[in-house]
Amino acid sequence: DGQGEAPEMLSRPNFEVDIVKSSGKTLSFTCSYLHPDEQGEEGNEDVFAIDEVTMFDGDKTGDHNYAVAGDILDGYLYDLFMSMLEERGVDNNFADKLADWCTAHEHGQYINLLQEIEKFAKM
């Protein structure tokens, strides 16, 4: 109806973290933000979760690299991985800053799109 307030634009994209050793081996994590309802559940204060873990040499192109889903990892191993990420600065603070940056970027892109639509409509 155009009368209500627009929903808040919030960008919380999936992200990937690669830990690369000098040998060329890479431990790769695919992460995603938890829905706000899931945060604080069962003592979980994380704002993101590990969705997938894989390890590979060199480039990861190809289907021959096995990846395991984060939700089937042993709980202790999952916690160790989360600690490993935190030790490298990938923690809730990082995730919050990433979401803020992505939201600001997306907002700028949205404003640009509206300006371009306005120019297009005036042609």
C-alpha atoms as a PDB file:
ATOM      1  CA  ASP A   1       0.000   0.000   0.000  1.00  0.00           C
ATOM      2  CA  GLY A   2       3.050   2.285   0.224  1.00  0.00           C
ATOM      3  CA  GLN A   3       1.959   3.665   3.590  1.00  0.00           C
ATOM      4  CA  GLY A   4       4.130   1.634   5.975  1.00  0.00           C
ATOM      5  CA  GLU A   5       7.749   2.060   6.830  1.00  0.00           C
ATOM      6  CA  ALA A   6      10.195   0.194   4.587  1.00  0.00           C
ATOM      7  CA  PRO A   7      11.845  -2.822   6.194  1.00  0.00           C
ATOM      8  CA  GLU A   8      15.352  -2.307   7.529  1.00  0.00           C
ATOM      9  CA  MET A   9      18.001  -3.186   4.981  1.00  0.00           C
ATOM     10  CA  LEU A  10      20.384  -5.633   6.616  1.00  0.00           C
ATOM     11  CA  SER A  11      23.013  -7.551   4.680  1.00  0.00           C
ATOM     12  CA  ARG A  12      24.429 -10.646   6.372  1.00  0.00           C
ATOM     13  CA  PRO A  13      26.013 -12.664   3.558  1.00  0.00           C
ATOM     14  CA  ASN A  14      27.624 -16.053   3.798  1.00  0.00           C
ATOM     15  CA  PHE A  15      31.399 -15.762   3.982  1.00  0.00           C
ATOM     16  CA  GLU A  16      34.414 -17.965   3.564  1.00  0.00           C
ATOM     17  CA  VAL A  17      37.580 -18.114   5.646  1.00  0.00           C
ATOM     18  CA  ASP A  18      40.682 -19.849   4.296  1.00  0.00           C
ATOM     19  CA  ILE A  19      43.601 -20.687   6.559  1.00  0.00           C
ATOM     20  CA  VAL A  20      46.591 -21.334   4.297  1.00  0.00           C
ATOM     21  CA  LYS A  21      49.782 -22.986   5.519  1.00  0.00           C
ATOM     22  CA  SER A  22      53.182 -22.367   3.915  1.00  0.00           C
ATOM     23  CA  SER A  23      53.000 -25.923   2.517  1.00  0.00           C
ATOM     24  CA  GLY A  24      50.075 -24.802   0.342  1.00  0.00           C
ATOM     25  CA  LYS A  25      47.476 -26.780   2.308  1.00  0.00           C
ATOM     26  CA  THR A  26      44.290 -24.836   2.973  1.00  0.00           C
ATOM     27  CA  LEU A  27      41.648 -25.397   5.624  1.00  0.00           C
ATOM     28  CA  SER A  28      38.521 -23.657   4.365  1.00  0.00           C
ATOM     29  CA  PHE A  29      35.395 -22.721   6.324  1.00  0.00           C
ATOM     30  CA  THR A  30      32.108 -21.628   4.799  1.00  0.00           C
ATOM     31  CA  CYS A  31      30.148 -19.648   7.385  1.00  0.00           C
ATOM     32  CA  SER A  32      26.728 -18.036   7.602  1.00  0.00           C
ATOM     33  CA  TYR A  33      24.967 -15.761  10.028  1.00  0.00           C
ATOM     34  CA  LEU A  34      22.554 -17.294  12.480  1.00  0.00           C
ATOM     35  CA  HIS A  35      18.976 -16.058  12.463  1.00  0.00           C
ATOM     36  CA  PRO A  36      18.479 -13.756  15.488  1.00  0.00           C
ATOM     37  CA  ASP A  37      16.079 -16.339  16.968  1.00  0.00           C
ATOM     38  CA  GLU A  38      18.885 -18.929  16.965  1.00  0.00           C
ATOM     39  CA  GLN A  39      21.374 -16.709  18.793  1.00  0.00           C
ATOM     40  CA  GLY A  40      21.596 -17.373  22.499  1.00  0.00           C
ATOM     41  CA  GLU A  41      20.029 -20.815  22.055  1.00  0.00           C
ATOM     42  CA  GLU A  42      21.476 -23.510  24.360  1.00  0.00           C
ATOM     43  CA  GLY A  43      24.232 -21.214  25.592  1.00  0.00           C
ATOM     44  CA  ASN A  44      25.183 -20.311  22.012  1.00  0.00           C
ATOM     45  CA  GLU A  45      26.233 -16.686  21.832  1.00  0.00           C
ATOM     46  CA  ASP A  46      27.731 -16.883  18.343  1.00  0.00           C
ATOM     47  CA  VAL A  47      26.292 -14.699  15.605  1.00  0.00           C
ATOM     48  CA  PHE A  48      27.586 -17.003  12.873  1.00  0.00           C
ATOM     49  CA  ALA A  49      28.008 -20.727  12.324  1.00  0.00           C
ATOM     50  CA  ILE A  50      30.315 -22.976  10.344  1.00  0.00           C
ATOM     51  CA  ASP A  51      28.297 -24.484   7.499  1.00  0.00           C
ATOM     52  CA  GLU A  52      31.048 -26.461   5.826  1.00  0.00           C
ATOM     53  CA  VAL A  53      34.702 -27.420   6.274  1.00  0.00           C
ATOM     54  CA  THR A  54      37.073 -28.650   3.590  1.00  0.00           C
ATOM     55  CA  MET A  55      40.810 -29.078   3.159  1.00  0.00           C
ATOM     56  CA  PHE A  56      42.738 -28.944  -0.098  1.00  0.00           C
ATOM     57  CA  ASP A  57      46.146 -28.367  -1.689  1.00  0.00           C
ATOM     58  CA  GLY A  58      46.663 -25.405  -3.995  1.00  0.00           C
ATOM     59  CA  ASP A  59      43.547 -24.347  -5.872  1.00  0.00           C
ATOM     60  CA  LYS A  60      40.232 -25.702  -4.748  1.00  0.00           C
ATOM     61  CA  THR A  61      38.872 -26.028  -8.240  1.00  0.00           C
ATOM     62  CA  GLY A  62      37.424 -29.429  -8.929  1.00  0.00           C
ATOM     63  CA  ASP A  63      34.948 -31.759  -7.348  1.00  0.00           C
ATOM     64  CA  HIS A  64      37.529 -34.068  -5.813  1.00  0.00           C
ATOM     65  CA  ASN A  65      37.734 -32.154  -2.521  1.00  0.00           C
ATOM     66  CA  TYR A  66      35.564 -33.565   0.242  1.00  0.00           C
ATOM     67  CA  ALA A  67      33.609 -31.074   2.341  1.00  0.00           C
ATOM     68  CA  VAL A  68      31.821 -31.904   5.577  1.00  0.00           C
ATOM     69  CA  ALA A  69      28.719 -30.064   6.770  1.00  0.00           C
ATOM     70  CA  GLY A  70      29.232 -28.143   9.995  1.00  0.00           C
ATOM     71  CA  ASP A  71      26.115 -29.563  11.594  1.00  0.00           C
ATOM     72  CA  ILE A  72      27.449 -33.133  11.461  1.00  0.00           C
ATOM     73  CA  LEU A  73      30.857 -32.306  12.937  1.00  0.00           C
ATOM     74  CA  ASP A  74      31.582 -33.624  16.409  1.00  0.00           C
ATOM     75  CA  GLY A  75      30.659 -30.898  18.912  1.00  0.00           C
ATOM     76  CA  TYR A  76      34.155 -30.764  20.404  1.00  0.00           C
ATOM     77  CA  LEU A  77      35.798 -30.472  16.958  1.00  0.00           C
ATOM     78  CA  TYR A  78      33.272 -27.778  15.972  1.00  0.00           C
ATOM     79  CA  ASP A  79      34.188 -25.798  19.123  1.00  0.00           C
ATOM     80  CA  LEU A  80      37.897 -26.211  18.326  1.00  0.00           C
ATOM     81  CA  PHE A  81      37.291 -24.857  14.823  1.00  0.00           C
ATOM     82  CA  MET A  82      35.346 -21.890  16.227  1.00  0.00           C
ATOM     83  CA  SER A  83      38.240 -21.210  18.632  1.00  0.00           C
ATOM     84  CA  MET A  84      40.716 -21.469  15.743  1.00  0.00           C
ATOM     85  CA  LEU A  85      38.719 -18.855  13.833  1.00  0.00           C
ATOM     86  CA  GLU A  86      38.450 -16.623  16.907  1.00  0.00           C
ATOM     87  CA  GLU A  87      42.239 -16.786  17.461  1.00  0.00           C
ATOM     88  CA  ARG A  88      42.607 -15.426  13.927  1.00  0.00           C
ATOM     89  CA  GLY A  89      40.168 -12.566  14.486  1.00  0.00           C
ATOM     90  CA  VAL A  90      37.098 -14.182  12.966  1.00  0.00           C
ATOM     91  CA  ASP A  91      34.736 -13.742  15.888  1.00  0.00           C
ATOM     92  CA  ASN A  92      31.405 -12.094  16.671  1.00  0.00           C
ATOM     93  CA  ASN A  93      32.995  -8.630  16.503  1.00  0.00           C
ATOM     94  CA  PHE A  94      34.373  -9.384  13.028  1.00  0.00           C
ATOM     95  CA  ALA A  95      31.006 -10.775  11.896  1.00  0.00           C
ATOM     96  CA  ASP A  96      29.182  -7.681  13.198  1.00  0.00           C
ATOM     97  CA  LYS A  97      31.612  -5.349  11.396  1.00  0.00           C
ATOM     98  CA  LEU A  98      31.316  -7.393   8.197  1.00  0.00           C
ATOM     99  CA  ALA A  99      27.519  -7.157   8.366  1.00  0.00           C
ATOM    100  CA  ASP A 100      27.734  -3.386   8.980  1.00  0.00           C
ATOM    101  CA  TRP A 101      30.069  -2.919   6.001  1.00  0.00           C
ATOM    102  CA  CYS A 102      27.947  -5.119   3.732  1.00  0.00           C
ATOM    103  CA  THR A 103      24.771  -3.335   4.807  1.00  0.00           C
ATOM    104  CA  ALA A 104      26.323   0.091   4.086  1.00  0.00           C
ATOM    105  CA  HIS A 105      27.594  -1.143   0.709  1.00  0.00           C
ATOM    106  CA  GLU A 106      24.229  -2.623  -0.232  1.00  0.00           C
ATOM    107  CA  HIS A 107      22.460   0.567   0.862  1.00  0.00           C
ATOM    108  CA  GLY A 108      24.788   2.583  -1.398  1.00  0.00           C
ATOM    109  CA  GLN A 109      24.088   0.198  -4.276  1.00  0.00           C
ATOM    110  CA  TYR A 110      20.349   0.543  -3.651  1.00  0.00           C
ATOM    111  CA  ILE A 111      20.552   4.356  -3.688  1.00  0.00           C
ATOM    112  CA  ASN A 112      22.540   4.193  -6.934  1.00  0.00           C
ATOM    113  CA  LEU A 113      19.917   1.903  -8.479  1.00  0.00           C
ATOM    114  CA  LEU A 114      17.117   4.301  -7.500  1.00  0.00           C
ATOM    115  CA  GLN A 115      19.023   7.212  -9.053  1.00  0.00           C
ATOM    116  CA  GLU A 116      19.570   5.254 -12.260  1.00  0.00           C
ATOM    117  CA  ILE A 117      15.867   4.291 -12.372  1.00  0.00           C
ATOM    118  CA  GLU A 118      14.968   7.963 -11.950  1.00  0.00           C
ATOM    119  CA  LYS A 119      17.232   8.928 -14.861  1.00  0.00           C
ATOM    120  CA  PHE A 120      15.775   6.116 -16.946  1.00  0.00           C
ATOM    121  CA  ALA A 121      12.201   7.200 -16.198  1.00  0.00           C
ATOM    122  CA  LYS A 122      12.971  10.781 -17.301  1.00  0.00           C
ATOM    123  CA  MET A 123      14.239   9.680 -20.746  1.00  0.00           C
END
